[in-house]
Amino acid sequence: ATNMLRYSEKEAIGMNITQLVSDDLRDEQRAILKQLRNTGTVTRVETVRVTKHGKNVPIEISIAAIKDDKGKIFGISGILRDISKQKEFAEKLEYQNKMEQLTSTITHRLFSSQYGGLDVAVSNSFEDMALLLNTDRVWYAELSGDKSTVNLLYEWSIGEAYQFMDYLKSFPVEELPWSAGLIRNKMNIGIQYISDLPAEAATEKEILEN
């Protein structure tokens, strides 16, 4: 607790374990303690604990009951392991797999004559992408063959896709260094709010705000 959860040794001694458990995990904690009482051990259970400053930390716990000569539990010995990095890696891998599956689905839709038309394919594909990226708007742009300009072709919003005819056609990539760099590296651009854009995306921010 002193390192992982940011409590001092003095603060950690005698602390009730429930102080480290968020309200939504109280039932899980009771189940863990019940298992400990019944079996004497709890091995490699993944859960979450709350730091002194209120941050949730994913951990793996293994605990064992300490009993007296009459078999009565008078203490607990345990190991807590921070698994934040493993969780982050697993989430990125899951996201990557979902994006690959979605890309394959979108490609099939756009090139399938039996799907129901290009407009339906684009709209449904963008809606699926928005759900995955947790956003309410999606833009689709293409780089020119020599990668010197970008054409913004579609925007999805509120369940509708439409084609831009005169807006952001043959826009110089050099004027969009931030987004163009991500696209070249085959990275998705997902932001919750326009204000979240970094300083180097000043041009993109101006375009989206207008």
Protein backbone atom coordinates (compact mmCIF):
# COMPACT_ATOMS: atom_id res chain seq x y z
CA ALA A 1 0.00 0.00 0.00
CA THR A 2 2.87 2.38 0.69
CA ASN A 3 4.16 2.38 -2.89
CA MET A 4 1.31 1.25 -5.12
CA LEU A 5 -1.52 3.06 -3.35
CA ARG A 6 0.49 6.06 -2.14
CA TYR A 7 -0.14 5.62 1.59
CA SER A 8 2.67 6.08 4.09
CA GLU A 9 3.62 3.12 6.28
CA LYS A 10 2.09 4.88 9.27
CA GLU A 11 -1.19 5.43 7.38
CA ALA A 12 -1.31 1.86 6.06
CA ILE A 13 -0.88 0.13 9.45
CA GLY A 14 -4.28 -0.73 10.88
CA MET A 15 -6.17 0.52 7.82
CA ASN A 16 -9.48 -1.21 7.07
CA ILE A 17 -9.33 -2.93 3.68
CA THR A 18 -12.70 -1.44 2.72
CA GLN A 19 -11.02 1.98 2.55
CA LEU A 20 -9.19 0.75 -0.54
CA VAL A 21 -12.31 -0.56 -2.29
CA SER A 22 -14.63 1.60 -4.38
CA ASP A 23 -18.36 1.45 -3.66
CA ASP A 24 -19.16 -0.46 -6.84
CA LEU A 25 -16.79 -3.28 -5.84
CA ARG A 26 -18.00 -3.83 -2.28
CA ASP A 27 -19.94 -6.97 -3.25
CA GLU A 28 -16.84 -8.37 -4.95
CA GLN A 29 -14.79 -7.65 -1.83
CA ARG A 30 -17.32 -9.44 0.36
CA ALA A 31 -17.13 -12.46 -1.97
CA ILE A 32 -13.33 -12.47 -1.71
CA LEU A 33 -13.46 -12.38 2.09
CA LYS A 34 -16.09 -15.14 2.10
CA GLN A 35 -13.81 -17.32 -0.02
CA LEU A 36 -10.92 -16.55 2.31
CA ARG A 37 -12.93 -17.63 5.35
CA ASN A 38 -14.12 -20.83 3.64
CA THR A 39 -10.89 -21.97 1.99
CA GLY A 40 -8.14 -20.02 3.71
CA THR A 41 -6.70 -18.70 0.43
CA VAL A 42 -7.53 -16.47 -2.52
CA THR A 43 -5.18 -16.83 -5.45
CA ARG A 44 -4.48 -14.43 -8.34
CA VAL A 45 -7.75 -12.53 -8.39
CA GLU A 46 -7.85 -9.47 -10.62
CA THR A 47 -9.62 -6.47 -9.12
CA VAL A 48 -9.21 -2.73 -8.54
CA ARG A 49 -8.02 -0.76 -5.54
CA VAL A 50 -8.23 2.97 -4.84
CA THR A 51 -5.13 5.04 -4.12
CA LYS A 52 -4.91 7.70 -1.44
CA HIS A 53 -5.64 10.29 -4.12
CA GLY A 54 -8.71 8.48 -5.48
CA LYS A 55 -7.17 6.87 -8.57
CA ASN A 56 -8.27 3.35 -9.50
CA VAL A 57 -5.40 0.90 -9.93
CA PRO A 58 -5.95 -2.56 -11.49
CA ILE A 59 -4.24 -5.18 -9.34
CA GLU A 60 -3.84 -8.91 -8.91
CA ILE A 61 -4.16 -10.17 -5.35
CA SER A 62 -3.22 -13.40 -3.64
CA ILE A 63 -4.04 -13.66 0.06
CA ALA A 64 -3.90 -16.31 2.77
CA ALA A 65 -5.50 -16.46 6.18
CA ILE A 66 -3.26 -16.62 9.24
CA LYS A 67 -4.77 -18.92 11.85
CA ASP A 68 -4.01 -19.70 15.48
CA ASP A 69 -3.58 -23.23 16.85
CA LYS A 70 -7.37 -23.53 17.13
CA GLY A 71 -7.91 -22.67 13.46
CA LYS A 72 -9.27 -19.21 14.13
CA ILE A 73 -8.30 -16.50 11.67
CA PHE A 74 -6.47 -13.66 13.36
CA GLY A 75 -4.70 -12.09 10.41
CA ILE A 76 -4.22 -12.01 6.65
CA SER A 77 -1.06 -12.20 4.55
CA GLY A 78 -1.26 -11.04 1.00
CA ILE A 79 0.51 -9.93 -2.16
CA LEU A 80 -0.78 -7.10 -4.34
CA ARG A 81 0.65 -6.74 -7.85
CA ASP A 82 0.06 -3.71 -10.05
CA ILE A 83 -1.13 -4.97 -13.44
CA SER A 84 -1.77 -1.57 -15.04
CA LYS A 85 0.72 -2.14 -17.87
CA GLN A 86 -0.63 -5.62 -18.64
CA LYS A 87 -4.19 -4.25 -18.71
CA GLU A 88 -3.16 -1.38 -20.97
CA PHE A 89 -1.42 -3.76 -23.37
CA ALA A 90 -4.42 -6.11 -23.40
CA GLU A 91 -6.81 -3.23 -24.08
CA LYS A 92 -4.65 -1.95 -26.95
CA LEU A 93 -4.46 -5.44 -28.43
CA GLU A 94 -8.23 -5.87 -28.14
CA TYR A 95 -8.78 -2.46 -29.73
CA GLN A 96 -6.39 -3.32 -32.56
CA ASN A 97 -8.20 -6.61 -33.19
CA LYS A 98 -11.57 -4.86 -33.24
CA MET A 99 -10.26 -2.22 -35.66
CA GLU A 100 -8.90 -4.93 -37.97
CA GLN A 101 -12.25 -6.74 -37.91
CA LEU A 102 -14.11 -3.48 -38.52
CA THR A 103 -11.79 -2.55 -41.40
CA SER A 104 -12.42 -5.92 -43.00
CA THR A 105 -16.18 -5.49 -42.58
CA ILE A 106 -16.13 -1.97 -44.02
CA THR A 107 -14.08 -3.08 -47.03
CA HIS A 108 -16.58 -5.87 -47.72
CA ARG A 109 -19.50 -3.45 -47.45
CA LEU A 110 -18.01 -0.82 -49.73
CA PHE A 111 -17.13 -3.31 -52.47
CA SER A 112 -20.14 -5.58 -52.20
CA SER A 113 -22.86 -4.94 -54.77
CA GLN A 114 -25.34 -6.88 -52.62
CA TYR A 115 -25.05 -4.72 -49.50
CA GLY A 116 -27.68 -2.11 -50.42
CA GLY A 117 -25.83 0.76 -52.06
CA LEU A 118 -22.82 2.91 -51.29
CA ASP A 119 -24.68 5.41 -49.11
CA VAL A 120 -26.00 2.67 -46.83
CA ALA A 121 -22.59 0.99 -46.66
CA VAL A 122 -20.80 4.22 -45.76
CA SER A 123 -23.40 5.28 -43.20
CA ASN A 124 -23.50 1.92 -41.42
CA SER A 125 -19.72 1.56 -41.49
CA PHE A 126 -19.21 5.00 -39.99
CA GLU A 127 -21.79 4.30 -37.31
CA ASP A 128 -19.93 1.12 -36.32
CA MET A 129 -16.66 3.05 -36.24
CA ALA A 130 -18.20 5.79 -34.08
CA LEU A 131 -19.38 3.20 -31.57
CA LEU A 132 -15.92 1.67 -31.39
CA LEU A 133 -14.20 5.04 -31.03
CA ASN A 134 -16.88 6.39 -28.66
CA THR A 135 -17.57 9.48 -30.75
CA ASP A 136 -20.59 11.05 -32.43
CA ARG A 137 -18.91 12.15 -35.66
CA VAL A 138 -16.57 10.49 -38.16
CA TRP A 139 -14.72 11.94 -41.14
CA TYR A 140 -13.29 9.93 -44.01
CA ALA A 141 -10.41 11.40 -46.01
CA GLU A 142 -8.06 10.09 -48.67
CA LEU A 143 -4.49 11.04 -49.50
CA SER A 144 -3.61 11.69 -53.12
CA GLY A 145 -1.39 9.24 -54.96
CA ASP A 146 1.73 11.28 -54.26
CA LYS A 147 0.50 11.95 -50.70
CA SER A 148 0.82 15.69 -51.15
CA THR A 149 -2.88 16.56 -50.77
CA VAL A 150 -5.88 15.23 -48.89
CA ASN A 151 -9.54 15.03 -49.93
CA LEU A 152 -12.24 14.96 -47.28
CA LEU A 153 -14.91 12.74 -48.81
CA TYR A 154 -17.43 11.81 -46.14
CA GLU A 155 -18.68 12.92 -42.75
CA TRP A 156 -20.93 10.78 -40.58
CA SER A 157 -23.12 12.47 -37.99
CA ILE A 158 -26.39 11.48 -36.33
CA GLY A 159 -26.72 8.35 -38.41
CA GLU A 160 -26.19 9.98 -41.80
CA ALA A 161 -23.30 9.93 -44.27
CA TYR A 162 -22.91 12.40 -47.11
CA GLN A 163 -20.26 13.39 -49.60
CA PHE A 164 -18.43 16.69 -49.55
CA MET A 165 -18.36 18.24 -53.02
CA ASP A 166 -16.27 21.40 -52.67
CA TYR A 167 -14.99 21.41 -49.11
CA LEU A 168 -11.41 20.41 -48.33
CA LYS A 169 -10.58 19.09 -51.77
CA SER A 170 -6.89 18.80 -52.65
CA PHE A 171 -5.95 20.38 -49.33
CA PRO A 172 -2.13 20.56 -48.96
CA VAL A 173 -0.92 17.90 -46.53
CA GLU A 174 1.89 20.16 -45.37
CA GLU A 175 -0.76 22.38 -43.79
CA LEU A 176 -2.03 19.43 -41.74
CA PRO A 177 1.22 18.10 -40.25
CA TRP A 178 -0.36 16.61 -37.13
CA SER A 179 -3.17 14.56 -38.68
CA ALA A 180 -1.19 13.72 -41.82
CA GLY A 181 1.60 12.30 -39.68
CA LEU A 182 -0.83 10.03 -37.86
CA ILE A 183 -2.45 8.90 -41.11
CA ARG A 184 0.95 8.07 -42.65
CA ASN A 185 1.67 5.91 -39.59
CA LYS A 186 -1.70 4.18 -40.07
CA MET A 187 -3.03 5.51 -36.77
CA ASN A 188 -6.64 6.43 -36.05
CA ILE A 189 -7.45 9.94 -34.90
CA GLY A 190 -9.96 9.90 -32.07
CA ILE A 191 -10.78 12.93 -29.93
CA GLN A 192 -13.70 13.51 -27.60
CA TYR A 193 -13.72 17.29 -27.85
CA ILE A 194 -12.23 19.70 -30.37
CA SER A 195 -10.58 21.47 -27.44
CA ASP A 196 -8.62 18.24 -26.77
CA LEU A 197 -6.58 18.73 -29.94
CA PRO A 198 -2.89 19.43 -29.23
CA ALA A 199 -1.24 22.76 -30.05
CA GLU A 200 0.37 21.30 -33.19
CA ALA A 201 -3.13 20.62 -34.57
CA ALA A 202 -4.06 24.31 -34.77
CA THR A 203 -5.11 24.07 -38.43
CA GLU A 204 -7.30 21.04 -37.81
CA LYS A 205 -8.88 22.79 -34.85
CA GLU A 206 -9.71 25.87 -36.93
CA ILE A 207 -11.26 23.74 -39.69
CA LEU A 208 -13.44 21.76 -37.27
CA GLU A 209 -14.58 24.84 -35.36
CA ASN A 210 -15.65 26.55 -38.59
